PDB file of N, CA and C in Angstrom:
ATOM      1  N   UNK A   1      51.085  96.440  31.789  1.00  0.00           N
ATOM      2  CA  UNK A   1      50.828  96.570  32.969  1.00  0.00           C
ATOM      3  C   UNK A   1      50.893  94.972  33.425  1.00  0.00           C
ATOM      4  N   UNK A   2      51.494  94.885  34.632  1.00  0.00           N
ATOM      5  CA  UNK A   2      52.130  93.662  35.583  1.00  0.00           C
ATOM      6  C   UNK A   2      51.003  92.873  36.496  1.00  0.00           C
ATOM      7  N   UNK A   3      50.869  91.832  36.574  1.00  0.00           N
ATOM      8  CA  UNK A   3      50.209  91.082  37.144  1.00  0.00           C
ATOM      9  C   UNK A   3      49.685  92.153  38.893  1.00  0.00           C
ATOM     10  N   UNK A   4      50.466  92.463  39.322  1.00  0.00           N
ATOM     11  CA  UNK A   4      50.366  93.348  40.094  1.00  0.00           C
ATOM     12  C   UNK A   4      50.008  94.866  40.610  1.00  0.00           C
ATOM     13  N   UNK A   5      49.817  94.903  38.984  1.00  0.00           N
ATOM     14  CA  UNK A   5      48.985  96.267  39.073  1.00  0.00           C
ATOM     15  C   UNK A   5      47.677  95.849  40.023  1.00  0.00           C
ATOM     16  N   UNK A   6      46.887  95.211  38.611  1.00  0.00           N
ATOM     17  CA  UNK A   6      45.544  95.466  38.957  1.00  0.00           C
ATOM     18  C   UNK A   6      45.233  94.969  40.439  1.00  0.00           C
ATOM     19  N   UNK A   7      46.384  93.956  40.832  1.00  0.00           N
ATOM     20  CA  UNK A   7      45.703  93.305  42.266  1.00  0.00           C
ATOM     21  C   UNK A   7      46.173  94.823  43.357  1.00  0.00           C
ATOM     22  N   UNK A   8      46.831  95.732  43.016  1.00  0.00           N
ATOM     23  CA  UNK A   8      46.989  96.802  43.695  1.00  0.00           C
ATOM     24  C   UNK A   8      45.855  97.801  43.851  1.00  0.00           C
ATOM     25  N   UNK A   9      45.339  97.682  42.651  1.00  0.00           N
ATOM     26  CA  UNK A   9      44.176  98.730  42.241  1.00  0.00           C
ATOM     27  C   UNK A   9      42.975  97.993  42.941  1.00  0.00           C
ATOM     28  N   UNK A  10      42.712  97.005  42.307  1.00  0.00           N
ATOM     29  CA  UNK A  10      41.674  96.447  42.799  1.00  0.00           C
ATOM     30  C   UNK A  10      40.771  95.966  41.878  1.00  0.00           C
ATOM     31  N   UNK A  11      39.941  95.626  41.890  1.00  0.00           N
ATOM     32  CA  UNK A  11      39.147  94.406  40.345  1.00  0.00           C
ATOM     33  C   UNK A  11      38.324  95.996  39.843  1.00  0.00           C
ATOM     34  N   UNK A  12      37.815  97.463  40.440  1.00  0.00           N
ATOM     35  CA  UNK A  12      36.929  98.218  40.004  1.00  0.00           C
ATOM     36  C   UNK A  12      37.881  99.029  39.315  1.00  0.00           C
ATOM     37  N   UNK A  13      38.556  99.523  39.783  1.00  0.00           N
ATOM     38  CA  UNK A  13      39.460 100.470  39.416  1.00  0.00           C
ATOM     39  C   UNK A  13      40.674  99.651  38.166  1.00  0.00           C
ATOM     40  N   UNK A  14      40.830  98.050  38.175  1.00  0.00           N
ATOM     41  CA  UNK A  14      41.439  97.694  37.542  1.00  0.00           C
ATOM     42  C   UNK A  14      40.929  97.369  35.899  1.00  0.00           C
ATOM     43  N   UNK A  15      39.504  97.256  35.900  1.00  0.00           N
ATOM     44  CA  UNK A  15      38.043  97.669  34.922  1.00  0.00           C
ATOM     45  C   UNK A  15      38.270  98.819  34.661  1.00  0.00           C
ATOM     46  N   UNK A  16      37.992  99.401  35.731  1.00  0.00           N
ATOM     47  CA  UNK A  16      38.015 100.842  35.054  1.00  0.00           C
ATOM     48  C   UNK A  16      39.141 101.930  34.111  1.00  0.00           C
ATOM     49  N   UNK A  17      40.419 101.151  34.455  1.00  0.00           N
ATOM     50  CA  UNK A  17      41.527 101.242  33.527  1.00  0.00           C
ATOM     51  C   UNK A  17      41.600 100.667  32.273  1.00  0.00           C
ATOM     52  N   UNK A  18      41.401  99.374  32.380  1.00  0.00           N
ATOM     53  CA  UNK A  18      41.438  98.350  30.901  1.00  0.00           C
ATOM     54  C   UNK A  18      40.327  99.430  30.440  1.00  0.00           C
ATOM     55  N   UNK A  19      39.115  99.553  30.324  1.00  0.00           N
ATOM     56  CA  UNK A  19      38.302 100.407  29.389  1.00  0.00           C
ATOM     57  C   UNK A  19      38.715 101.409  28.648  1.00  0.00           C
ATOM     58  N   UNK A  20      39.890 101.863  29.296  1.00  0.00           N
ATOM     59  CA  UNK A  20      40.530 102.942  28.137  1.00  0.00           C
ATOM     60  C   UNK A  20      41.475 102.656  27.323  1.00  0.00           C
ATOM     61  N   UNK A  21      41.326 101.391  27.119  1.00  0.00           N
ATOM     62  CA  UNK A  21      41.747 101.086  25.668  1.00  0.00           C
ATOM     63  C   UNK A  21      40.671 100.566  24.779  1.00  0.00           C
ATOM     64  N   UNK A  22      41.426 101.096  23.427  1.00  0.00           N
ATOM     65  CA  UNK A  22      40.311 100.864  22.210  1.00  0.00           C
ATOM     66  C   UNK A  22      40.119  99.430  22.693  1.00  0.00           C
ATOM     67  N   UNK A  23      38.570  99.214  22.566  1.00  0.00           N
ATOM     68  CA  UNK A  23      37.880  98.014  21.883  1.00  0.00           C
ATOM     69  C   UNK A  23      37.828  97.066  23.370  1.00  0.00           C
ATOM     70  N   UNK A  24      38.260  97.676  24.551  1.00  0.00           N
ATOM     71  CA  UNK A  24      37.983  97.083  26.064  1.00  0.00           C
ATOM     72  C   UNK A  24      36.753  97.290  26.556  1.00  0.00           C
ATOM     73  N   UNK A  25      35.203  96.845  26.370  1.00  0.00           N
ATOM     74  CA  UNK A  25      34.503  96.827  27.293  1.00  0.00           C
ATOM     75  C   UNK A  25      34.283  96.157  28.893  1.00  0.00           C
ATOM     76  N   UNK A  26      33.465  96.532  29.007  1.00  0.00           N
ATOM     77  CA  UNK A  26      32.336  95.508  30.517  1.00  0.00           C
ATOM     78  C   UNK A  26      32.850  94.346  30.486  1.00  0.00           C
ATOM     79  N   UNK A  27      32.490  93.332  29.498  1.00  0.00           N
ATOM     80  CA  UNK A  27      32.711  92.291  29.825  1.00  0.00           C
ATOM     81  C   UNK A  27      34.171  91.870  30.018  1.00  0.00           C
ATOM     82  N   UNK A  28      35.223  92.128  28.601  1.00  0.00           N
ATOM     83  CA  UNK A  28      36.042  91.961  28.854  1.00  0.00           C
ATOM     84  C   UNK A  28      37.264  92.520  29.735  1.00  0.00           C
ATOM     85  N   UNK A  29      36.878  94.121  30.609  1.00  0.00           N
ATOM     86  CA  UNK A  29      38.087  94.572  31.154  1.00  0.00           C
ATOM     87  C   UNK A  29      37.563  93.495  32.487  1.00  0.00           C
ATOM     88  N   UNK A  30      36.181  92.938  32.556  1.00  0.00           N
ATOM     89  CA  UNK A  30      36.404  91.855  33.888  1.00  0.00           C
ATOM     90  C   UNK A  30      37.075  90.756  33.815  1.00  0.00           C
ATOM     91  N   UNK A  31      36.804  90.388  32.523  1.00  0.00           N
ATOM     92  CA  UNK A  31      37.652  88.592  32.222  1.00  0.00           C
ATOM     93  C   UNK A  31      39.548  89.192  32.594  1.00  0.00           C
ATOM     94  N   UNK A  32      39.799  89.987  31.922  1.00  0.00           N
ATOM     95  CA  UNK A  32      41.353  90.463  31.542  1.00  0.00           C
ATOM     96  C   UNK A  32      41.683  90.319  33.519  1.00  0.00           C
ATOM     97  N   UNK A  33      40.829  92.026  34.082  1.00  0.00           N
ATOM     98  CA  UNK A  33      41.327  91.870  35.479  1.00  0.00           C
ATOM     99  C   UNK A  33      41.653  90.377  35.992  1.00  0.00           C
ATOM    100  N   UNK A  34      40.303  89.576  36.050  1.00  0.00           N
ATOM    101  CA  UNK A  34      39.802  88.488  36.428  1.00  0.00           C
ATOM    102  C   UNK A  34      41.201  87.275  36.368  1.00  0.00           C
ATOM    103  N   UNK A  35      41.522  87.273  34.732  1.00  0.00           N
ATOM    104  CA  UNK A  35      42.390  86.104  34.885  1.00  0.00           C
ATOM    105  C   UNK A  35      43.850  86.437  34.946  1.00  0.00           C
ATOM    106  N   UNK A  36      44.164  87.780  34.521  1.00  0.00           N
ATOM    107  CA  UNK A  36      45.197  88.600  34.470  1.00  0.00           C
ATOM    108  C   UNK A  36      45.793  88.600  35.576  1.00  0.00           C
ATOM    109  N   UNK A  37      45.171  88.760  36.818  1.00  0.00           N
ATOM    110  CA  UNK A  37      45.856  89.297  38.042  1.00  0.00           C
ATOM    111  C   UNK A  37      45.656  88.335  38.829  1.00  0.00           C
ATOM    112  N   UNK A  38      45.098  87.266  38.307  1.00  0.00           N
ATOM    113  CA  UNK A  38      45.116  86.023  39.374  1.00  0.00           C
ATOM    114  C   UNK A  38      43.337  86.541  41.154  1.00  0.00           C
ATOM    115  N   UNK A  39      42.953  87.153  40.715  1.00  0.00           N
ATOM    116  CA  UNK A  39      41.681  87.389  41.466  1.00  0.00           C
ATOM    117  C   UNK A  39      40.472  86.290  41.582  1.00  0.00           C
ATOM    118  N   UNK A  40      41.020  85.667  42.223  1.00  0.00           N
ATOM    119  CA  UNK A  40      40.210  84.065  41.929  1.00  0.00           C
ATOM    120  C   UNK A  40      38.369  83.974  42.494  1.00  0.00           C
ATOM    121  N   UNK A  41      38.232  85.472  43.024  1.00  0.00           N
ATOM    122  CA  UNK A  41      37.224  85.824  43.750  1.00  0.00           C
ATOM    123  C   UNK A  41      36.488  86.430  42.953  1.00  0.00           C
ATOM    124  N   UNK A  42      37.081  87.204  41.878  1.00  0.00           N
ATOM    125  CA  UNK A  42      36.254  88.373  41.726  1.00  0.00           C
ATOM    126  C   UNK A  42      35.175  87.603  40.382  1.00  0.00           C
ATOM    127  N   UNK A  43      34.234  88.211  40.130  1.00  0.00           N
ATOM    128  CA  UNK A  43      32.919  87.664  39.435  1.00  0.00           C
ATOM    129  C   UNK A  43      32.557  88.521  38.306  1.00  0.00           C
ATOM    130  N   UNK A  44      33.051  88.059  36.976  1.00  0.00           N
ATOM    131  CA  UNK A  44      32.570  88.864  36.053  1.00  0.00           C
ATOM    132  C   UNK A  44      31.014  89.195  36.135  1.00  0.00           C
ATOM    133  N   UNK A  45      30.207  90.127  36.482  1.00  0.00           N
ATOM    134  CA  UNK A  45      28.926  90.349  36.358  1.00  0.00           C
ATOM    135  C   UNK A  45      28.608  90.547  34.015  1.00  0.00           C
ATOM    136  N   UNK A  46      29.286  91.025  33.685  1.00  0.00           N
ATOM    137  CA  UNK A  46      28.854  91.132  32.030  1.00  0.00           C
ATOM    138  C   UNK A  46      29.148  90.327  31.015  1.00  0.00           C
ATOM    139  N   UNK A  47      29.655  88.884  31.814  1.00  0.00           N
ATOM    140  CA  UNK A  47      29.930  87.914  31.303  1.00  0.00           C
ATOM    141  C   UNK A  47      28.519  87.195  31.145  1.00  0.00           C
ATOM    142  N   UNK A  48      27.405  87.460  30.179  1.00  0.00           N
ATOM    143  CA  UNK A  48      25.950  87.660  29.810  1.00  0.00           C
ATOM    144  C   UNK A  48      25.873  85.528  29.961  1.00  0.00           C
ATOM    145  N   UNK A  49      27.107  84.915  29.048  1.00  0.00           N
ATOM    146  CA  UNK A  49      26.510  83.849  28.391  1.00  0.00           C
ATOM    147  C   UNK A  49      26.800  82.839  30.185  1.00  0.00           C
ATOM    148  N   UNK A  50      27.832  83.072  31.014  1.00  0.00           N
ATOM    149  CA  UNK A  50      28.095  82.740  31.826  1.00  0.00           C
ATOM    150  C   UNK A  50      26.905  82.641  32.754  1.00  0.00           C
ATOM    151  N   UNK A  51      26.310  84.010  32.811  1.00  0.00           N
ATOM    152  CA  UNK A  51      25.282  84.147  34.148  1.00  0.00           C
ATOM    153  C   UNK A  51      23.850  83.519  33.549  1.00  0.00           C
ATOM    154  N   UNK A  52      23.888  83.537  32.046  1.00  0.00           N
ATOM    155  CA  UNK A  52      22.632  82.683  31.765  1.00  0.00           C
ATOM    156  C   UNK A  52      22.828  81.546  31.642  1.00  0.00           C
ATOM    157  N   UNK A  53      23.985  80.737  31.658  1.00  0.00           N
ATOM    158  CA  UNK A  53      23.869  79.321  32.241  1.00  0.00           C
ATOM    159  C   UNK A  53      23.920  78.746  33.358  1.00  0.00           C
ATOM    160  N   UNK A  54      24.247  79.670  34.520  1.00  0.00           N
ATOM    161  CA  UNK A  54      24.126  79.167  36.007  1.00  0.00           C
ATOM    162  C   UNK A  54      22.626  79.654  36.026  1.00  0.00           C
ATOM    163  N   UNK A  55      22.087  79.843  35.963  1.00  0.00           N
ATOM    164  CA  UNK A  55      20.868  80.546  35.882  1.00  0.00           C
ATOM    165  C   UNK A  55      20.440  79.637  35.452  1.00  0.00           C
ATOM    166  N   UNK A  56      20.345  78.694  34.102  1.00  0.00           N
ATOM    167  CA  UNK A  56      19.311  77.994  33.926  1.00  0.00           C
ATOM    168  C   UNK A  56      19.221  76.546  34.662  1.00  0.00           C
ATOM    169  N   UNK A  57      21.505  76.384  34.880  1.00  0.00           N
ATOM    170  CA  UNK A  57      21.637  75.403  35.464  1.00  0.00           C
ATOM    171  C   UNK A  57      21.191  75.151  37.246  1.00  0.00           C
ATOM    172  N   UNK A  58      20.682  75.873  37.832  1.00  0.00           N
ATOM    173  CA  UNK A  58      19.806  76.411  39.091  1.00  0.00           C
ATOM    174  C   UNK A  58      18.475  76.472  39.038  1.00  0.00           C
ATOM    175  N   UNK A  59      17.582  76.940  37.937  1.00  0.00           N
ATOM    176  CA  UNK A  59      16.430  76.791  37.707  1.00  0.00           C
ATOM    177  C   UNK A  59      16.033  78.168  38.198  1.00  0.00           C
ATOM    178  N   UNK A  60      17.147  79.360  38.245  1.00  0.00           N
ATOM    179  CA  UNK A  60      16.564  80.391  38.688  1.00  0.00           C
ATOM    180  C   UNK A  60      16.351  81.731  37.625  1.00  0.00           C
ATOM    181  N   UNK A  61      15.973  83.404  38.500  1.00  0.00           N
ATOM    182  CA  UNK A  61      16.190  84.322  37.227  1.00  0.00           C
ATOM    183  C   UNK A  61      17.293  84.678  37.642  1.00  0.00           C
ATOM    184  N   UNK A  62      18.658  85.045  36.876  1.00  0.00           N
ATOM    185  CA  UNK A  62      19.998  85.880  37.322  1.00  0.00           C
ATOM    186  C   UNK A  62      19.814  87.369  36.474  1.00  0.00           C
ATOM    187  N   UNK A  63      19.037  87.784  35.964  1.00  0.00           N
ATOM    188  CA  UNK A  63      18.961  88.797  35.269  1.00  0.00           C
ATOM    189  C   UNK A  63      19.241  89.863  35.941  1.00  0.00           C
ATOM    190  N   UNK A  64      19.532  90.154  37.216  1.00  0.00           N
ATOM    191  CA  UNK A  64      19.605  91.043  37.767  1.00  0.00           C
ATOM    192  C   UNK A  64      20.884  90.744  38.715  1.00  0.00           C
ATOM    193  N   UNK A  65      21.745  91.637  38.654  1.00  0.00           N
ATOM    194  CA  UNK A  65      23.185  91.727  39.412  1.00  0.00           C
ATOM    195  C   UNK A  65      22.877  90.613  41.410  1.00  0.00           C
ATOM    196  N   UNK A  66      21.636  91.027  42.281  1.00  0.00           N
ATOM    197  CA  UNK A  66      21.621  90.710  42.641  1.00  0.00           C
ATOM    198  C   UNK A  66      21.536  89.332  43.152  1.00  0.00           C
ATOM    199  N   UNK A  67      21.011  88.792  42.182  1.00  0.00           N
ATOM    200  CA  UNK A  67      20.432  87.498  42.223  1.00  0.00           C
ATOM    201  C   UNK A  67      21.518  86.766  41.702  1.00  0.00           C
ATOM    202  N   UNK A  68      22.160  86.938  40.433  1.00  0.00           N
ATOM    203  CA  UNK A  68      23.522  86.090  40.304  1.00  0.00           C
ATOM    204  C   UNK A  68      24.549  86.519  41.556  1.00  0.00           C
ATOM    205  N   UNK A  69      24.630  87.553  41.977  1.00  0.00           N
ATOM    206  CA  UNK A  69      25.671  87.736  42.862  1.00  0.00           C
ATOM    207  C   UNK A  69      25.560  86.681  44.648  1.00  0.00           C
ATOM    208  N   UNK A  70      24.198  86.731  44.395  1.00  0.00           N
ATOM    209  CA  UNK A  70      23.448  85.492  45.624  1.00  0.00           C
ATOM    210  C   UNK A  70      23.800  84.252  45.214  1.00  0.00           C
ATOM    211  N   UNK A  71      23.608  84.037  44.068  1.00  0.00           N
ATOM    212  CA  UNK A  71      23.918  82.152  43.275  1.00  0.00           C
ATOM    213  C   UNK A  71      25.445  82.306  43.618  1.00  0.00           C
ATOM    214  N   UNK A  72      26.125  83.329  43.282  1.00  0.00           N
ATOM    215  CA  UNK A  72      27.282  83.016  43.348  1.00  0.00           C
ATOM    216  C   UNK A  72      28.366  82.987  44.636  1.00  0.00           C
ATOM    217  N   UNK A  73      27.681  83.274  45.926  1.00  0.00           N
ATOM    218  CA  UNK A  73      28.276  83.150  46.828  1.00  0.00           C
ATOM    219  C   UNK A  73      28.718  81.924  47.011  1.00  0.00           C
ATOM    220  N   UNK A  74      27.977  80.694  46.693  1.00  0.00           N
ATOM    221  CA  UNK A  74      28.222  79.479  47.029  1.00  0.00           C
ATOM    222  C   UNK A  74      29.601  79.041  46.706  1.00  0.00           C
ATOM    223  N   UNK A  75      30.386  80.140  45.007  1.00  0.00           N
ATOM    224  CA  UNK A  75      31.403  79.380  44.908  1.00  0.00           C
ATOM    225  C   UNK A  75      32.842  80.173  45.085  1.00  0.00           C
ATOM    226  N   UNK A  76      32.287  80.816  46.121  1.00  0.00           N
ATOM    227  CA  UNK A  76      33.800  81.665  46.720  1.00  0.00           C
ATOM    228  C   UNK A  76      34.277  80.561  47.244  1.00  0.00           C
ATOM    229  N   UNK A  77      35.855  80.573  47.545  1.00  0.00           N
ATOM    230  CA  UNK A  77      36.458  81.718  47.352  1.00  0.00           C
ATOM    231  C   UNK A  77      36.955  81.279  45.542  1.00  0.00           C
ATOM    232  N   UNK A  78      36.645  81.023  44.749  1.00  0.00           N
ATOM    233  CA  UNK A  78      37.092  80.820  43.416  1.00  0.00           C
ATOM    234  C   UNK A  78      35.757  81.386  42.623  1.00  0.00           C
ATOM    235  N   UNK A  79      34.906  82.071  42.695  1.00  0.00           N
ATOM    236  CA  UNK A  79      33.747  82.969  41.767  1.00  0.00           C
ATOM    237  C   UNK A  79      35.013  82.595  39.910  1.00  0.00           C
ATOM    238  N   UNK A  80      35.347  83.181  40.125  1.00  0.00           N
ATOM    239  CA  UNK A  80      35.840  83.509  38.873  1.00  0.00           C
ATOM    240  C   UNK A  80      36.617  82.318  38.406  1.00  0.00           C
ATOM    241  N   UNK A  81      36.962  81.788  38.600  1.00  0.00           N
ATOM    242  CA  UNK A  81      37.280  80.433  37.806  1.00  0.00           C
ATOM    243  C   UNK A  81      36.156  79.231  37.538  1.00  0.00           C
ATOM    244  N   UNK A  82      34.790  79.127  38.808  1.00  0.00           N
ATOM    245  CA  UNK A  82      33.716  79.035  38.399  1.00  0.00           C
ATOM    246  C   UNK A  82      32.952  79.349  37.216  1.00  0.00           C
ATOM    247  N   UNK A  83      33.261  80.697  36.640  1.00  0.00           N
ATOM    248  CA  UNK A  83      33.149  81.524  36.193  1.00  0.00           C
ATOM    249  C   UNK A  83      33.327  81.273  34.650  1.00  0.00           C
ATOM    250  N   UNK A  84      34.884  81.023  34.763  1.00  0.00           N
ATOM    251  CA  UNK A  84      35.559  80.140  33.274  1.00  0.00           C
ATOM    252  C   UNK A  84      35.036  78.940  33.128  1.00  0.00           C
ATOM    253  N   UNK A  85      34.656  78.158  34.185  1.00  0.00           N
ATOM    254  CA  UNK A  85      34.004  76.271  33.719  1.00  0.00           C
ATOM    255  C   UNK A  85      33.113  76.440  33.320  1.00  0.00           C
ATOM    256  N   UNK A  86      31.764  77.075  34.100  1.00  0.00           N
ATOM    257  CA  UNK A  86      30.428  77.469  33.709  1.00  0.00           C
ATOM    258  C   UNK A  86      30.655  77.891  31.985  1.00  0.00           C
ATOM    259  N   UNK A  87      31.632  79.336  31.439  1.00  0.00           N
ATOM    260  CA  UNK A  87      31.590  79.628  30.387  1.00  0.00           C
ATOM    261  C   UNK A  87      31.904  78.900  29.317  1.00  0.00           C
ATOM    262  N   UNK A  88      33.527  77.696  29.511  1.00  0.00           N
ATOM    263  CA  UNK A  88      33.633  77.252  28.548  1.00  0.00           C
ATOM    264  C   UNK A  88      32.852  75.832  28.437  1.00  0.00           C
ATOM    265  N   UNK A  89      31.638  75.173  29.476  1.00  0.00           N
ATOM    266  CA  UNK A  89      31.258  74.168  29.030  1.00  0.00           C
ATOM    267  C   UNK A  89      29.846  74.616  28.217  1.00  0.00           C
ATOM    268  N   UNK A  90      29.512  76.018  28.334  1.00  0.00           N
ATOM    269  CA  UNK A  90      28.370  76.174  27.969  1.00  0.00           C
ATOM    270  C   UNK A  90      27.903  75.889  26.720  1.00  0.00           C
ATOM    271  N   UNK A  91      27.990  75.244  25.525  1.00  0.00           N
ATOM    272  CA  UNK A  91      28.236  74.709  24.610  1.00  0.00           C
ATOM    273  C   UNK A  91      27.281  73.506  24.444  1.00  0.00           C
ATOM    274  N   UNK A  92      27.876  72.999  25.990  1.00  0.00           N
ATOM    275  CA  UNK A  92      27.445  71.234  26.210  1.00  0.00           C
ATOM    276  C   UNK A  92      26.841  71.597  27.429  1.00  0.00           C
ATOM    277  N   UNK A  93      26.344  72.483  27.435  1.00  0.00           N
ATOM    278  CA  UNK A  93      24.955  72.840  28.777  1.00  0.00           C
ATOM    279  C   UNK A  93      23.504  72.514  28.162  1.00  0.00           C
ATOM    280  N   UNK A  94      22.856  72.878  28.957  1.00  0.00           N
ATOM    281  CA  UNK A  94      21.175  72.453  28.947  1.00  0.00           C
ATOM    282  C   UNK A  94      20.867  73.661  27.995  1.00  0.00           C
ATOM    283  N   UNK A  95      21.430  74.942  27.604  1.00  0.00           N
ATOM    284  CA  UNK A  95      20.854  75.846  26.766  1.00  0.00           C
ATOM    285  C   UNK A  95      21.438  75.620  25.629  1.00  0.00           C
ATOM    286  N   UNK A  96      22.372  74.791  25.476  1.00  0.00           N
ATOM    287  CA  UNK A  96      22.821  73.811  23.830  1.00  0.00           C
ATOM    288  C   UNK A  96      21.474  73.454  22.963  1.00  0.00           C
ATOM    289  N   UNK A  97      20.789  72.885  24.033  1.00  0.00           N
ATOM    290  CA  UNK A  97      19.877  72.208  23.849  1.00  0.00           C
ATOM    291  C   UNK A  97      18.697  72.636  22.467  1.00  0.00           C
TER     292      UNK A  97
END
């Protein structure tokens, strides 16, 4: 699969296709489609650790998709990379205390 293929499909269809591969579930299909295709504004809703840390840093409950999407609006047009950075620093964040 080339990087152009998921871009042509769109995020949801690319994730559906990736989940047909053995061992690829919702979280990894989102991360793969986002990072592998250059979908800089994709928001991986299934990335639980990034969601948890973002909510704690902002002091709000983002367990519901609607609340997390609202929080992540500020990160446009690079929500994917904001998520990657939040996830990468999760061990050093407030949740690690």
